[in-house]
Structures are given as C-alpha cells and as structure tokens.
Amino acid sequence: MNVLAATGEALVLIGTFFYFLSTLGLIRMPDVYNRMQTSTKSATLGSLGVIVGTGIWALGEDFGNWAWVTKTVVIATFLLLTNPISAHALIRAAYKRGIPLWSGSVVDKYHEHLKKKEETVEEAPLEGDAK
C-alpha cells in the first residue's frame, strides 16, 4: 500500500463520518429548516470526501491512470455547486408554503427581508402618477 491509497482510504472514512453526521442531523433537528441545513452541509462534505477519496485511492492502486481522478474531481465540483443551491430552493419553497419554524427559533431574517421589501414597494410611486 502506498501513500496515495492510504490518503484515499482516509478521505473515504472521513466522508463516511460526515454521512453519519448528516443522518444524525436528520434525526435530531426539530424542524425542516434545521434538518435541511444540517444534512446539506454534512452530506456535501461526505460526498466530497468519498468521491475524491475514491479517485485518489484508485490512483494509488493503479498509478498513472488519471481517468479516475479527473472524473471524481468533475463530479465533486458538480456536487459542491448544486447541493447548496438545491437545498436553498427547497428551504425557500417550504417557507413560502407556510411550514412553520420551530417554536424555539429566535430570528427569522427572511421574514424581516420580506417585510422590508413590501414597505419599499408600497412607498415607491406608480409609473403613471403625475409629479
């Protein structure tokens, strides 16, 4: 076993640990917003660790075969860009649907933003109004 294979194995184990944390977050968090936040961050890190670790591990086993590394880096980049965006869209849809926050939540910045936006729209003059 060489250094690349050992590094790949370590990254796969770290990624698996983050998958475990993601599962734990889904079970322990009180509402959909906290669950999505917890599971998205740790599942993204878990996916990155497992995918990149697999590529490095394969490179360590068959040195000179860079195809695995290239594919895994492309997939990891795609996941890194799309996981947070999709989670944001799901959380926003849940909020607009009216799913309530946990009763222990203290701050609702999105509600404050929407109120501020409504006030700005109400204060703006209509296009057809004379000056």
C-alpha atoms as a PDB file:
ATOM      1  CA  MET A   1       0.000   0.000   0.000  1.00  0.00           C
ATOM      2  CA  ASN A   2       1.366   3.389  -0.949  1.00  0.00           C
ATOM      3  CA  VAL A   3       0.691   6.907   0.325  1.00  0.00           C
ATOM      4  CA  LEU A   4      -1.986   7.727  -2.282  1.00  0.00           C
ATOM      5  CA  ALA A   5      -4.030   4.641  -1.462  1.00  0.00           C
ATOM      6  CA  ALA A   6      -3.803   5.362   2.269  1.00  0.00           C
ATOM      7  CA  THR A   7      -4.829   9.000   1.704  1.00  0.00           C
ATOM      8  CA  GLY A   8      -7.773   7.884  -0.418  1.00  0.00           C
ATOM      9  CA  GLU A   9      -8.899   5.418   2.229  1.00  0.00           C
ATOM     10  CA  ALA A  10      -8.653   8.121   4.895  1.00  0.00           C
ATOM     11  CA  LEU A  11     -10.772  10.520   2.811  1.00  0.00           C
ATOM     12  CA  VAL A  12     -13.401   7.829   2.266  1.00  0.00           C
ATOM     13  CA  LEU A  13     -13.538   7.218   6.029  1.00  0.00           C
ATOM     14  CA  ILE A  14     -13.824  10.961   6.734  1.00  0.00           C
ATOM     15  CA  GLY A  15     -16.593  11.228   4.143  1.00  0.00           C
ATOM     16  CA  THR A  16     -18.410   8.311   5.748  1.00  0.00           C
ATOM     17  CA  PHE A  17     -18.176  10.069   9.110  1.00  0.00           C
ATOM     18  CA  PHE A  18     -19.809  13.169   7.601  1.00  0.00           C
ATOM     19  CA  TYR A  19     -22.564  10.964   6.150  1.00  0.00           C
ATOM     20  CA  PHE A  20     -23.159   9.680   9.677  1.00  0.00           C
ATOM     21  CA  LEU A  21     -23.371  13.258  10.977  1.00  0.00           C
ATOM     22  CA  SER A  22     -25.860  14.074   8.228  1.00  0.00           C
ATOM     23  CA  THR A  23     -28.058  11.179   9.274  1.00  0.00           C
ATOM     24  CA  LEU A  24     -27.796  12.188  12.910  1.00  0.00           C
ATOM     25  CA  GLY A  25     -28.796  15.752  11.992  1.00  0.00           C
ATOM     26  CA  LEU A  26     -31.882  14.497  10.167  1.00  0.00           C
ATOM     27  CA  ILE A  27     -32.956  12.604  13.274  1.00  0.00           C
ATOM     28  CA  ARG A  28     -32.090  15.188  15.935  1.00  0.00           C
ATOM     29  CA  MET A  29     -33.061  18.560  14.440  1.00  0.00           C
ATOM     30  CA  PRO A  30     -36.508  19.933  15.327  1.00  0.00           C
ATOM     31  CA  ASP A  31     -37.827  21.390  12.046  1.00  0.00           C
ATOM     32  CA  VAL A  32     -37.414  21.130   8.297  1.00  0.00           C
ATOM     33  CA  TYR A  33     -35.165  24.190   8.062  1.00  0.00           C
ATOM     34  CA  ASN A  34     -32.637  22.957  10.604  1.00  0.00           C
ATOM     35  CA  ARG A  35     -32.733  19.459   9.117  1.00  0.00           C
ATOM     36  CA  MET A  36     -32.035  20.734   5.616  1.00  0.00           C
ATOM     37  CA  GLN A  37     -29.200  22.964   6.783  1.00  0.00           C
ATOM     38  CA  THR A  38     -27.546  20.227   8.800  1.00  0.00           C
ATOM     39  CA  SER A  39     -27.967  17.455   6.283  1.00  0.00           C
ATOM     40  CA  THR A  40     -26.937  19.534   3.277  1.00  0.00           C
ATOM     41  CA  LYS A  41     -23.647  20.706   4.742  1.00  0.00           C
ATOM     42  CA  SER A  42     -22.570  17.361   6.088  1.00  0.00           C
ATOM     43  CA  ALA A  43     -23.829  15.368   3.089  1.00  0.00           C
ATOM     44  CA  THR A  44     -21.910  17.686   0.763  1.00  0.00           C
ATOM     45  CA  LEU A  45     -18.734  17.214   2.787  1.00  0.00           C
ATOM     46  CA  GLY A  46     -19.382  13.472   2.964  1.00  0.00           C
ATOM     47  CA  SER A  47     -19.870  13.238  -0.781  1.00  0.00           C
ATOM     48  CA  LEU A  48     -16.737  15.237  -1.465  1.00  0.00           C
ATOM     49  CA  GLY A  49     -14.685  13.063   0.855  1.00  0.00           C
ATOM     50  CA  VAL A  50     -15.957   9.785  -0.544  1.00  0.00           C
ATOM     51  CA  ILE A  51     -15.786  10.782  -4.204  1.00  0.00           C
ATOM     52  CA  VAL A  52     -12.362  12.449  -4.141  1.00  0.00           C
ATOM     53  CA  GLY A  53     -11.060   9.740  -1.818  1.00  0.00           C
ATOM     54  CA  THR A  54     -12.183   7.084  -4.280  1.00  0.00           C
ATOM     55  CA  GLY A  55     -10.320   8.826  -7.084  1.00  0.00           C
ATOM     56  CA  ILE A  56      -7.127   9.142  -5.074  1.00  0.00           C
ATOM     57  CA  TRP A  57      -7.453   5.577  -3.832  1.00  0.00           C
ATOM     58  CA  ALA A  58      -7.817   4.305  -7.409  1.00  0.00           C
ATOM     59  CA  LEU A  59      -4.801   6.374  -8.454  1.00  0.00           C
ATOM     60  CA  GLY A  60      -2.778   4.814  -5.645  1.00  0.00           C
ATOM     61  CA  GLU A  61      -3.736   1.302  -6.714  1.00  0.00           C
ATOM     62  CA  ASP A  62      -3.095   1.866 -10.434  1.00  0.00           C
ATOM     63  CA  PHE A  63      -0.599   4.727 -10.620  1.00  0.00           C
ATOM     64  CA  GLY A  64      -0.661   6.504 -13.948  1.00  0.00           C
ATOM     65  CA  ASN A  65      -4.395   6.053 -14.505  1.00  0.00           C
ATOM     66  CA  TRP A  66      -5.595   9.644 -14.064  1.00  0.00           C
ATOM     67  CA  ALA A  67      -9.059   8.951 -15.512  1.00  0.00           C
ATOM     68  CA  TRP A  68     -10.481   8.187 -12.057  1.00  0.00           C
ATOM     69  CA  VAL A  69      -9.126  11.388 -10.548  1.00  0.00           C
ATOM     70  CA  THR A  70     -10.429  13.542 -13.390  1.00  0.00           C
ATOM     71  CA  LYS A  71     -13.916  12.040 -13.230  1.00  0.00           C
ATOM     72  CA  THR A  72     -14.155  12.266  -9.468  1.00  0.00           C
ATOM     73  CA  VAL A  73     -12.996  15.895  -9.398  1.00  0.00           C
ATOM     74  CA  VAL A  74     -15.605  16.831 -12.018  1.00  0.00           C
ATOM     75  CA  ILE A  75     -18.349  15.034 -10.069  1.00  0.00           C
ATOM     76  CA  ALA A  76     -17.207  16.571  -6.779  1.00  0.00           C
ATOM     77  CA  THR A  77     -17.228  20.060  -8.311  1.00  0.00           C
ATOM     78  CA  PHE A  78     -20.733  19.488  -9.662  1.00  0.00           C
ATOM     79  CA  LEU A  79     -21.965  18.351  -6.233  1.00  0.00           C
ATOM     80  CA  LEU A  80     -20.230  21.251  -4.500  1.00  0.00           C
ATOM     81  CA  LEU A  81     -22.065  23.699  -6.745  1.00  0.00           C
ATOM     82  CA  THR A  82     -25.502  22.062  -6.897  1.00  0.00           C
ATOM     83  CA  ASN A  83     -26.139  20.714  -3.367  1.00  0.00           C
ATOM     84  CA  PRO A  84     -26.308  24.102  -1.595  1.00  0.00           C
ATOM     85  CA  ILE A  85     -28.379  25.648  -4.396  1.00  0.00           C
ATOM     86  CA  SER A  86     -30.940  22.852  -4.368  1.00  0.00           C
ATOM     87  CA  ALA A  87     -31.164  22.949  -0.576  1.00  0.00           C
ATOM     88  CA  HIS A  88     -31.737  26.705  -0.707  1.00  0.00           C
ATOM     89  CA  ALA A  89     -34.530  26.240  -3.254  1.00  0.00           C
ATOM     90  CA  LEU A  90     -36.189  23.540  -1.132  1.00  0.00           C
ATOM     91  CA  ILE A  91     -35.995  25.611   2.050  1.00  0.00           C
ATOM     92  CA  ARG A  92     -37.377  28.675   0.294  1.00  0.00           C
ATOM     93  CA  ALA A  93     -40.256  26.633  -1.126  1.00  0.00           C
ATOM     94  CA  ALA A  94     -41.022  25.255   2.335  1.00  0.00           C
ATOM     95  CA  TYR A  95     -41.022  28.777   3.786  1.00  0.00           C
ATOM     96  CA  LYS A  96     -43.283  30.139   1.064  1.00  0.00           C
ATOM     97  CA  ARG A  97     -45.595  27.152   1.524  1.00  0.00           C
ATOM     98  CA  GLY A  98     -46.039  28.215   5.151  1.00  0.00           C
ATOM     99  CA  ILE A  99     -44.256  25.435   7.019  1.00  0.00           C
ATOM    100  CA  PRO A 100     -43.667  26.978  10.450  1.00  0.00           C
ATOM    101  CA  LEU A 101     -40.325  27.478  12.096  1.00  0.00           C
ATOM    102  CA  TRP A 102     -39.514  25.598  15.274  1.00  0.00           C
ATOM    103  CA  SER A 103     -41.033  27.303  18.325  1.00  0.00           C
ATOM    104  CA  GLY A 104     -37.540  27.794  19.775  1.00  0.00           C
ATOM    105  CA  SER A 105     -36.323  29.761  16.741  1.00  0.00           C
ATOM    106  CA  VAL A 106     -35.368  33.276  17.726  1.00  0.00           C
ATOM    107  CA  VAL A 107     -34.548  35.024  14.446  1.00  0.00           C
ATOM    108  CA  ASP A 108     -36.386  34.982  11.121  1.00  0.00           C
ATOM    109  CA  LYS A 109     -34.279  37.114   8.786  1.00  0.00           C
ATOM    110  CA  TYR A 110     -36.195  36.091   5.679  1.00  0.00           C
ATOM    111  CA  HIS A 111     -39.460  37.381   7.183  1.00  0.00           C
ATOM    112  CA  GLU A 112     -37.731  40.665   8.032  1.00  0.00           C
ATOM    113  CA  HIS A 113     -36.425  40.873   4.459  1.00  0.00           C
ATOM    114  CA  LEU A 114     -39.900  40.293   3.004  1.00  0.00           C
ATOM    115  CA  LYS A 115     -41.431  42.979   5.261  1.00  0.00           C
ATOM    116  CA  LYS A 116     -38.742  45.464   4.249  1.00  0.00           C
ATOM    117  CA  LYS A 117     -39.321  44.626   0.596  1.00  0.00           C
ATOM    118  CA  GLU A 118     -43.100  45.161   0.974  1.00  0.00           C
ATOM    119  CA  GLU A 119     -42.537  48.548   2.627  1.00  0.00           C
ATOM    120  CA  THR A 120     -40.226  49.612  -0.189  1.00  0.00           C
ATOM    121  CA  VAL A 121     -42.784  48.608  -2.822  1.00  0.00           C
ATOM    122  CA  GLU A 122     -45.594  50.462  -1.015  1.00  0.00           C
ATOM    123  CA  GLU A 123     -43.524  53.663  -0.776  1.00  0.00           C
ATOM    124  CA  ALA A 124     -42.475  53.671  -4.438  1.00  0.00           C
ATOM    125  CA  PRO A 125     -44.660  55.859  -6.699  1.00  0.00           C
ATOM    126  CA  LEU A 126     -46.557  54.229  -9.525  1.00  0.00           C
ATOM    127  CA  GLU A 127     -45.317  54.844 -13.044  1.00  0.00           C
ATOM    128  CA  GLY A 128     -48.487  56.641 -14.148  1.00  0.00           C
ATOM    129  CA  ASP A 129     -48.572  59.081 -11.200  1.00  0.00           C
ATOM    130  CA  ALA A 130     -48.005  62.733 -12.000  1.00  0.00           C
ATOM    131  CA  LYS A 131     -45.303  64.579 -10.135  1.00  0.00           C
END
